[in-house]
Amino acid sequence: MSTLLAAIVEALNRRKGKVLDLAQLSMHEAQFRTFKKLFLSEFGRDGAERDLQTVVAEYERQRNGRE
């Protein structure tokens, strides 16, 4: 994982944790479990993180091609 991607994912993980904490406080347990599963599917390794990996890799390819 590139340094740039690692920094972005780390920042997003902190925010994801806050969103999950707030959701847990405002939902019944069964609702929260479903929300958490869907949220992490969309914003976790198989969702947004994979998309970011593609974007960062393309950015780095273009940047390295210019240097």
N, C-alpha and C. Protein backbone atom coordinates (compact mmCIF):
# COMPACT_ATOMS: atom_id res chain seq x y z
N MET A 1 0.86 -1.18 0.00
CA MET A 1 0.00 0.00 0.00
C MET A 1 0.90 1.23 0.00
N SER A 2 0.60 2.16 -0.87
CA SER A 2 1.40 3.38 -0.95
C SER A 2 1.19 4.23 0.31
N THR A 3 2.13 5.12 0.53
CA THR A 3 2.05 6.02 1.68
C THR A 3 0.82 6.90 1.60
N LEU A 4 0.54 7.41 0.40
CA LEU A 4 -0.63 8.25 0.20
C LEU A 4 -1.91 7.49 0.51
N LEU A 5 -2.04 6.30 -0.03
CA LEU A 5 -3.24 5.49 0.21
C LEU A 5 -3.37 5.14 1.70
N ALA A 6 -2.28 4.79 2.33
CA ALA A 6 -2.32 4.45 3.76
C ALA A 6 -2.80 5.64 4.59
N ALA A 7 -2.34 6.84 4.25
CA ALA A 7 -2.76 8.04 4.99
C ALA A 7 -4.25 8.31 4.79
N ILE A 8 -4.72 8.15 3.57
CA ILE A 8 -6.15 8.37 3.28
C ILE A 8 -7.01 7.35 4.02
N VAL A 9 -6.63 6.09 3.95
CA VAL A 9 -7.41 5.03 4.61
C VAL A 9 -7.41 5.24 6.12
N GLU A 10 -6.28 5.62 6.68
CA GLU A 10 -6.22 5.87 8.13
C GLU A 10 -7.17 6.99 8.53
N ALA A 11 -7.17 8.07 7.76
CA ALA A 11 -8.07 9.19 8.06
C ALA A 11 -9.53 8.77 7.94
N LEU A 12 -9.84 8.01 6.91
CA LEU A 12 -11.22 7.54 6.73
C LEU A 12 -11.64 6.57 7.83
N ASN A 13 -10.73 5.73 8.27
CA ASN A 13 -11.07 4.77 9.33
C ASN A 13 -11.46 5.48 10.62
N ARG A 14 -10.79 6.59 10.92
CA ARG A 14 -11.18 7.35 12.13
C ARG A 14 -12.60 7.87 11.97
N ARG A 15 -12.93 8.37 10.80
CA ARG A 15 -14.27 8.91 10.57
C ARG A 15 -15.32 7.80 10.57
N LYS A 16 -14.97 6.65 9.99
CA LYS A 16 -15.90 5.52 9.99
C LYS A 16 -16.21 5.09 11.42
N GLY A 17 -15.20 5.09 12.27
CA GLY A 17 -15.41 4.73 13.66
C GLY A 17 -16.38 5.67 14.36
N LYS A 18 -16.26 6.96 14.08
CA LYS A 18 -17.16 7.93 14.68
C LYS A 18 -18.59 7.73 14.19
N VAL A 19 -18.75 7.49 12.89
CA VAL A 19 -20.09 7.26 12.34
C VAL A 19 -20.72 6.02 12.97
N LEU A 20 -19.94 4.97 13.11
CA LEU A 20 -20.46 3.74 13.71
C LEU A 20 -20.82 3.95 15.18
N ASP A 21 -20.02 4.71 15.90
CA ASP A 21 -20.35 5.00 17.30
C ASP A 21 -21.67 5.75 17.41
N LEU A 22 -21.86 6.76 16.56
CA LEU A 22 -23.12 7.52 16.57
C LEU A 22 -24.31 6.65 16.18
N ALA A 23 -24.11 5.82 15.17
CA ALA A 23 -25.20 4.94 14.74
C ALA A 23 -25.59 3.97 15.86
N GLN A 24 -24.59 3.45 16.55
CA GLN A 24 -24.87 2.50 17.62
C GLN A 24 -25.69 3.14 18.74
N LEU A 25 -25.42 4.41 19.00
CA LEU A 25 -26.16 5.11 20.05
C LEU A 25 -27.61 5.38 19.66
N SER A 26 -27.88 5.45 18.36
CA SER A 26 -29.22 5.86 17.93
C SER A 26 -30.07 4.74 17.34
N MET A 27 -29.55 3.51 17.33
CA MET A 27 -30.31 2.40 16.74
C MET A 27 -30.45 1.25 17.72
N HIS A 28 -31.49 0.46 17.49
CA HIS A 28 -31.61 -0.80 18.22
C HIS A 28 -30.50 -1.72 17.74
N GLU A 29 -30.12 -2.67 18.57
CA GLU A 29 -28.98 -3.55 18.30
C GLU A 29 -29.10 -4.26 16.94
N ALA A 30 -30.25 -4.81 16.63
CA ALA A 30 -30.41 -5.52 15.35
C ALA A 30 -30.27 -4.57 14.16
N GLN A 31 -30.84 -3.38 14.30
CA GLN A 31 -30.70 -2.38 13.23
C GLN A 31 -29.24 -1.98 13.06
N PHE A 32 -28.56 -1.79 14.19
CA PHE A 32 -27.16 -1.38 14.12
C PHE A 32 -26.30 -2.44 13.46
N ARG A 33 -26.51 -3.70 13.79
CA ARG A 33 -25.72 -4.77 13.18
C ARG A 33 -25.89 -4.77 11.67
N THR A 34 -27.12 -4.58 11.20
CA THR A 34 -27.38 -4.52 9.76
C THR A 34 -26.72 -3.30 9.14
N PHE A 35 -26.88 -2.15 9.79
CA PHE A 35 -26.26 -0.92 9.30
C PHE A 35 -24.75 -1.07 9.23
N LYS A 36 -24.14 -1.60 10.27
CA LYS A 36 -22.69 -1.75 10.31
C LYS A 36 -22.19 -2.64 9.18
N LYS A 37 -22.89 -3.73 8.95
CA LYS A 37 -22.51 -4.64 7.87
C LYS A 37 -22.56 -3.94 6.52
N LEU A 38 -23.64 -3.23 6.26
CA LEU A 38 -23.78 -2.52 4.98
C LEU A 38 -22.79 -1.36 4.87
N PHE A 39 -22.62 -0.62 5.94
CA PHE A 39 -21.71 0.52 5.96
C PHE A 39 -20.28 0.08 5.66
N LEU A 40 -19.83 -0.97 6.35
CA LEU A 40 -18.46 -1.43 6.13
C LEU A 40 -18.30 -2.08 4.77
N SER A 41 -19.35 -2.66 4.25
CA SER A 41 -19.29 -3.20 2.89
C SER A 41 -19.07 -2.09 1.88
N GLU A 42 -19.74 -0.97 2.06
CA GLU A 42 -19.63 0.16 1.14
C GLU A 42 -18.34 0.96 1.33
N PHE A 43 -17.93 1.15 2.58
CA PHE A 43 -16.81 2.03 2.86
C PHE A 43 -15.55 1.30 3.31
N GLY A 44 -15.59 -0.01 3.36
CA GLY A 44 -14.45 -0.80 3.80
C GLY A 44 -13.60 -1.29 2.64
N ARG A 45 -12.86 -2.37 2.88
CA ARG A 45 -11.90 -2.90 1.91
C ARG A 45 -12.51 -3.28 0.57
N ASP A 46 -13.74 -3.73 0.57
CA ASP A 46 -14.36 -4.17 -0.68
C ASP A 46 -15.16 -3.08 -1.37
N GLY A 47 -15.22 -1.91 -0.77
CA GLY A 47 -15.99 -0.81 -1.34
C GLY A 47 -15.10 0.38 -1.66
N ALA A 48 -15.27 1.42 -0.87
CA ALA A 48 -14.56 2.68 -1.12
C ALA A 48 -13.05 2.52 -1.06
N GLU A 49 -12.54 1.68 -0.16
CA GLU A 49 -11.09 1.52 -0.07
C GLU A 49 -10.53 0.93 -1.36
N ARG A 50 -11.24 0.01 -1.97
CA ARG A 50 -10.80 -0.57 -3.24
C ARG A 50 -10.84 0.50 -4.33
N ASP A 51 -11.89 1.31 -4.34
CA ASP A 51 -11.97 2.41 -5.31
C ASP A 51 -10.81 3.39 -5.13
N LEU A 52 -10.52 3.73 -3.89
CA LEU A 52 -9.41 4.64 -3.61
C LEU A 52 -8.08 4.05 -4.04
N GLN A 53 -7.92 2.77 -3.86
CA GLN A 53 -6.69 2.11 -4.27
C GLN A 53 -6.48 2.27 -5.78
N THR A 54 -7.56 2.11 -6.53
CA THR A 54 -7.49 2.28 -7.98
C THR A 54 -7.15 3.72 -8.35
N VAL A 55 -7.81 4.67 -7.71
CA VAL A 55 -7.58 6.09 -7.99
C VAL A 55 -6.14 6.49 -7.66
N VAL A 56 -5.65 6.09 -6.49
CA VAL A 56 -4.29 6.44 -6.08
C VAL A 56 -3.27 5.78 -7.00
N ALA A 57 -3.49 4.53 -7.37
CA ALA A 57 -2.56 3.85 -8.27
C ALA A 57 -2.49 4.56 -9.61
N GLU A 58 -3.62 4.99 -10.14
CA GLU A 58 -3.65 5.72 -11.41
C GLU A 58 -2.95 7.07 -11.26
N TYR A 59 -3.21 7.76 -10.18
CA TYR A 59 -2.55 9.04 -9.91
C TYR A 59 -1.04 8.87 -9.87
N GLU A 60 -0.58 7.85 -9.15
CA GLU A 60 0.85 7.63 -9.03
C GLU A 60 1.47 7.22 -10.36
N ARG A 61 0.76 6.44 -11.18
CA ARG A 61 1.26 6.09 -12.51
C ARG A 61 1.43 7.33 -13.37
N GLN A 62 0.43 8.19 -13.36
CA GLN A 62 0.50 9.43 -14.15
C GLN A 62 1.60 10.34 -13.63
N ARG A 63 1.70 10.46 -12.35
CA ARG A 63 2.72 11.33 -11.76
C ARG A 63 4.12 10.83 -12.07
N ASN A 64 4.33 9.52 -11.96
CA ASN A 64 5.64 8.96 -12.25
C ASN A 64 5.97 9.02 -13.73
N GLY A 65 4.97 8.99 -14.57
CA GLY A 65 5.19 9.09 -16.01
C GLY A 65 5.66 10.46 -16.43
N ARG A 66 5.34 11.46 -15.67
CA ARG A 66 5.71 12.84 -16.00
C ARG A 66 7.10 13.21 -15.51
N GLU A 67 7.57 12.48 -14.51
CA GLU A 67 8.88 12.83 -13.92
C GLU A 67 10.02 12.24 -14.71
